[in-house]
Protein backbone atom coordinates (compact mmCIF):
# COMPACT_ATOMS: atom_id res chain seq x y z
CA MET A 1 -91.34 -43.39 -12.66
CA GLY A 2 -93.40 -45.28 -15.26
CA LYS A 3 -92.26 -44.96 -18.85
CA PRO A 4 -94.12 -41.95 -20.51
CA LEU A 5 -96.81 -42.23 -23.06
CA THR A 6 -95.81 -42.65 -26.62
CA LEU A 7 -96.35 -39.84 -28.95
CA LEU A 8 -98.58 -42.23 -31.04
CA LYS A 9 -100.84 -43.06 -27.73
CA GLN A 10 -100.99 -39.20 -27.18
CA LEU A 11 -102.19 -38.22 -30.63
CA CYS A 12 -104.60 -41.04 -30.59
CA GLY A 13 -105.91 -39.52 -27.40
CA HIS A 14 -106.26 -36.00 -29.08
CA ALA A 15 -107.94 -37.98 -31.96
CA MET A 16 -110.55 -39.76 -29.89
CA SER A 17 -111.51 -36.47 -27.82
CA SER A 18 -112.05 -35.11 -31.31
CA GLY A 19 -114.55 -37.89 -31.79
CA ALA A 20 -112.41 -39.53 -34.08
CA GLN A 21 -111.94 -43.62 -34.21
CA SER A 22 -109.08 -43.42 -36.45
CA SER A 23 -105.85 -41.21 -37.63
CA LYS A 24 -103.74 -41.10 -40.59
CA THR A 25 -100.16 -39.75 -40.66
CA GLU A 26 -98.73 -38.54 -43.85
CA ARG A 27 -95.13 -37.19 -44.71
CA LYS A 28 -94.89 -34.64 -47.32
CA GLU A 29 -92.75 -31.72 -47.98
CA GLY A 30 -90.27 -31.83 -45.42
CA ARG A 31 -93.26 -32.42 -42.80
CA GLN A 32 -94.98 -35.12 -41.14
CA THR A 33 -98.70 -34.37 -40.25
CA ALA A 34 -101.10 -36.54 -38.13
CA PHE A 35 -104.97 -35.96 -39.10
CA ALA A 36 -107.97 -37.24 -36.81
CA GLN A 37 -110.14 -38.84 -39.29
CA ILE A 38 -114.29 -38.60 -38.43
CA ASP A 39 -116.03 -40.36 -41.39
CA ASP A 40 -114.67 -38.92 -44.71
CA ALA A 41 -113.35 -35.40 -42.83
CA ARG A 42 -110.18 -35.36 -41.21
CA THR A 43 -108.58 -32.66 -38.90
CA ARG A 44 -105.03 -32.07 -38.33
CA ILE A 45 -103.82 -32.78 -34.91
CA ALA A 46 -100.23 -32.49 -35.09
CA ASN A 47 -97.66 -31.27 -37.58
CA PHE A 48 -93.59 -31.90 -37.28
CA GLU A 49 -90.86 -31.18 -39.36
CA ASP A 50 -89.46 -34.19 -40.70
CA SER A 51 -86.22 -33.74 -39.15
CA SER A 52 -87.69 -33.26 -35.74
CA THR A 53 -87.31 -35.17 -32.58
CA ASP A 54 -91.08 -35.78 -32.33
CA ALA A 55 -91.21 -36.56 -35.94
CA ARG A 56 -88.72 -39.77 -35.90
CA GLU A 57 -90.26 -40.98 -32.66
CA LEU A 58 -93.88 -40.92 -34.39
CA ARG A 59 -92.37 -42.89 -37.15
CA ALA A 60 -90.69 -45.29 -34.87
CA ASN A 61 -93.65 -45.77 -32.86
CA LEU A 62 -96.14 -46.18 -36.27
CA TYR A 63 -93.47 -48.43 -37.47
CA ALA A 64 -93.32 -50.52 -34.36
CA ALA A 65 -97.26 -50.88 -34.00
CA THR A 66 -97.29 -52.19 -37.61
CA LYS A 67 -95.58 -55.38 -36.28
CA LYS A 68 -97.59 -55.41 -32.95
CA ALA A 69 -100.84 -53.83 -32.06
CA VAL A 70 -100.37 -51.55 -28.92
CA ARG A 71 -102.81 -51.64 -25.84
CA THR A 72 -103.30 -48.35 -24.43
CA VAL A 73 -105.89 -46.50 -22.16
CA ILE A 74 -107.77 -43.49 -23.36
CA GLY A 75 -110.27 -41.87 -21.20
CA GLY A 76 -110.34 -44.66 -18.72
CA LYS A 77 -111.18 -47.24 -21.45
CA VAL A 78 -108.62 -50.00 -23.22
CA TYR A 79 -108.21 -49.37 -26.75
CA ILE A 80 -106.32 -51.64 -29.13
CA LEU A 81 -104.28 -49.15 -31.91
CA HIS A 82 -103.74 -51.40 -35.37
CA VAL A 83 -101.59 -49.42 -37.47
CA ARG A 84 -101.43 -49.87 -41.50
CA VAL A 85 -98.87 -48.60 -43.97
CA PHE A 86 -99.70 -47.72 -47.52
CA GLU A 87 -97.92 -45.40 -49.94
CA THR A 88 -98.86 -41.68 -50.44
CA PHE A 89 -96.56 -39.03 -52.03
CA GLY A 90 -93.87 -41.60 -52.70
CA GLU A 91 -93.48 -42.17 -48.87
CA ASP A 92 -94.95 -44.52 -46.28
CA ALA A 93 -98.23 -43.09 -44.78
CA PHE A 94 -100.00 -44.67 -41.63
CA GLU A 95 -103.44 -45.43 -40.90
CA VAL A 96 -104.28 -46.04 -37.04
CA SER A 97 -107.57 -47.59 -36.04
CA ILE A 98 -108.57 -47.13 -32.41
CA ASP A 99 -110.84 -50.24 -31.60
CA PRO A 100 -112.10 -50.90 -28.08
CA ALA A 101 -110.42 -53.91 -26.47
CA PRO A 102 -112.37 -57.01 -25.96
CA LYS A 103 -113.93 -57.75 -22.70
CA LEU A 104 -112.64 -60.64 -20.72
CA ASP A 105 -114.25 -63.79 -21.19
CA PRO A 106 -115.77 -64.30 -17.28
CA SER A 107 -115.45 -68.20 -17.57
CA VAL A 108 -111.65 -67.98 -18.63
CA VAL A 109 -108.75 -67.48 -15.96
CA PRO A 110 -106.98 -64.34 -17.74
CA PRO A 111 -103.39 -64.46 -17.88
CA PHE A 112 -101.42 -62.15 -15.13
CA THR A 113 -98.28 -62.60 -13.13
CA ALA A 114 -98.02 -63.81 -9.80
CA LYS A 115 -97.30 -60.20 -8.45
CA GLN A 116 -100.28 -58.76 -10.41
CA GLY A 117 -102.62 -61.80 -9.01
CA GLN A 118 -101.48 -60.58 -5.51
CA TYR A 119 -102.71 -56.74 -6.47
CA LEU A 120 -105.55 -58.13 -7.77
CA ALA A 121 -106.20 -60.62 -4.78
CA PHE A 122 -105.74 -57.27 -2.52
CA ILE A 123 -108.09 -55.04 -4.45
CA TYR A 124 -110.54 -57.75 -3.94
CA ASN A 125 -110.26 -58.41 -0.30
CA TYR A 126 -109.86 -54.78 0.30
CA THR A 127 -112.78 -53.89 -1.35
CA LYS A 128 -114.58 -56.80 0.22
CA ILE A 129 -113.94 -55.68 3.71
CA HIS A 130 -114.40 -51.76 3.28
CA CYS A 131 -116.83 -51.55 0.74
CA GLN A 132 -114.80 -49.39 -1.53
CA ALA A 133 -111.82 -49.87 -3.37
CA PRO A 134 -108.53 -49.31 -2.09
CA ALA A 135 -106.55 -45.85 -2.63
CA GLU A 136 -103.09 -46.13 -4.28
CA ALA A 137 -101.83 -45.31 -0.73
CA ASP A 138 -103.65 -48.29 0.67
CA LEU A 139 -101.55 -50.67 -2.06
CA GLN A 140 -98.58 -48.64 -1.18
CA ARG A 141 -98.56 -49.29 2.61
CA TYR A 142 -99.61 -52.94 2.17
CA PHE A 143 -96.98 -53.92 -0.42
CA GLN A 144 -94.36 -51.52 0.90
CA VAL A 145 -93.34 -50.13 -2.33
CA SER A 146 -92.99 -46.77 -3.87
CA PRO A 147 -95.59 -44.77 -5.12
CA PRO A 148 -94.45 -44.91 -8.53
CA ALA A 149 -94.43 -48.63 -8.48
CA ILE A 150 -97.95 -48.64 -7.45
CA HIS A 151 -99.11 -46.35 -9.96
CA ASP A 152 -97.57 -48.36 -12.91
CA MET A 153 -99.13 -51.48 -11.60
CA ILE A 154 -102.02 -49.98 -11.63
CA LYS A 155 -101.91 -48.65 -15.05
CA THR A 156 -100.53 -52.14 -16.21
CA LEU A 157 -103.63 -53.69 -14.65
CA GLU A 158 -105.70 -51.19 -16.30
CA ARG A 159 -104.29 -51.81 -19.70
CA ASN A 160 -104.30 -55.52 -19.34
CA GLY A 161 -108.10 -55.30 -19.05
CA LEU A 162 -108.04 -56.71 -15.53
CA ILE A 163 -109.48 -53.48 -13.63
CA GLU A 164 -111.31 -50.55 -14.59
CA ARG A 165 -111.03 -46.95 -13.25
CA THR A 166 -112.64 -43.66 -13.59
CA PRO A 167 -110.41 -41.17 -14.41
CA GLY A 168 -110.38 -38.13 -11.86
CA GLN A 169 -112.69 -40.21 -9.57
CA ALA A 170 -110.65 -41.65 -6.22
CA ARG A 171 -111.11 -44.83 -5.18
CA SER A 172 -112.87 -45.82 -8.43
CA ILE A 173 -110.90 -49.40 -9.13
CA ARG A 174 -113.24 -51.75 -10.25
CA LEU A 175 -111.91 -55.33 -10.46
CA LEU A 176 -112.84 -57.30 -13.62
CA VAL A 177 -111.39 -60.59 -12.84
CA GLN A 178 -113.93 -63.18 -11.23
CA PRO A 179 -113.17 -63.93 -7.51
CA GLU A 180 -112.67 -67.62 -8.33
CA HIS A 181 -109.60 -66.86 -10.67
CA LEU A 182 -107.77 -64.86 -7.84
CA PRO A 183 -104.87 -66.33 -6.19
CA ARG A 184 -104.87 -66.46 -1.90
CA LEU A 185 -103.48 -63.36 -0.75
CA LYS A 186 -100.23 -63.38 1.02
């Protein structure tokens, strides 16, 4: 099975569902609280006791994201989470901006592995022949791998901005890579 969504990604998804484009996490009086930031107003979206597993996981996610921005998919769109640390109440606090990922430049070959290229080539050829995108079961039959392996690959391709999907809609994979940039299907 694929790796589970981090607590940071879950909270950003929750913040986005309430209309926020950023969130803040503060530590005060033995509690860690996350807020969805909408203009100058903020709404609490999580509140953990400092010693809890969730609080420790969230802080680890936030510190890691200060070093390297995080790509995630929220509501079928790719976002980049940028985390900034600042001090409040004598403790580190975090501000997370949730920014749409830039679209691929169609004139440039996007980076992908050979294996990812084969999946992209299959999606392209299947869609061209059948006039609809493949289901995960079609990919599973062709590549002869487990359903979780297929699902993980689809999530990776989506997170890397190589495909788009419509959440909750079957056969909604849309290729974002130009056909001339795809390898030959083996």
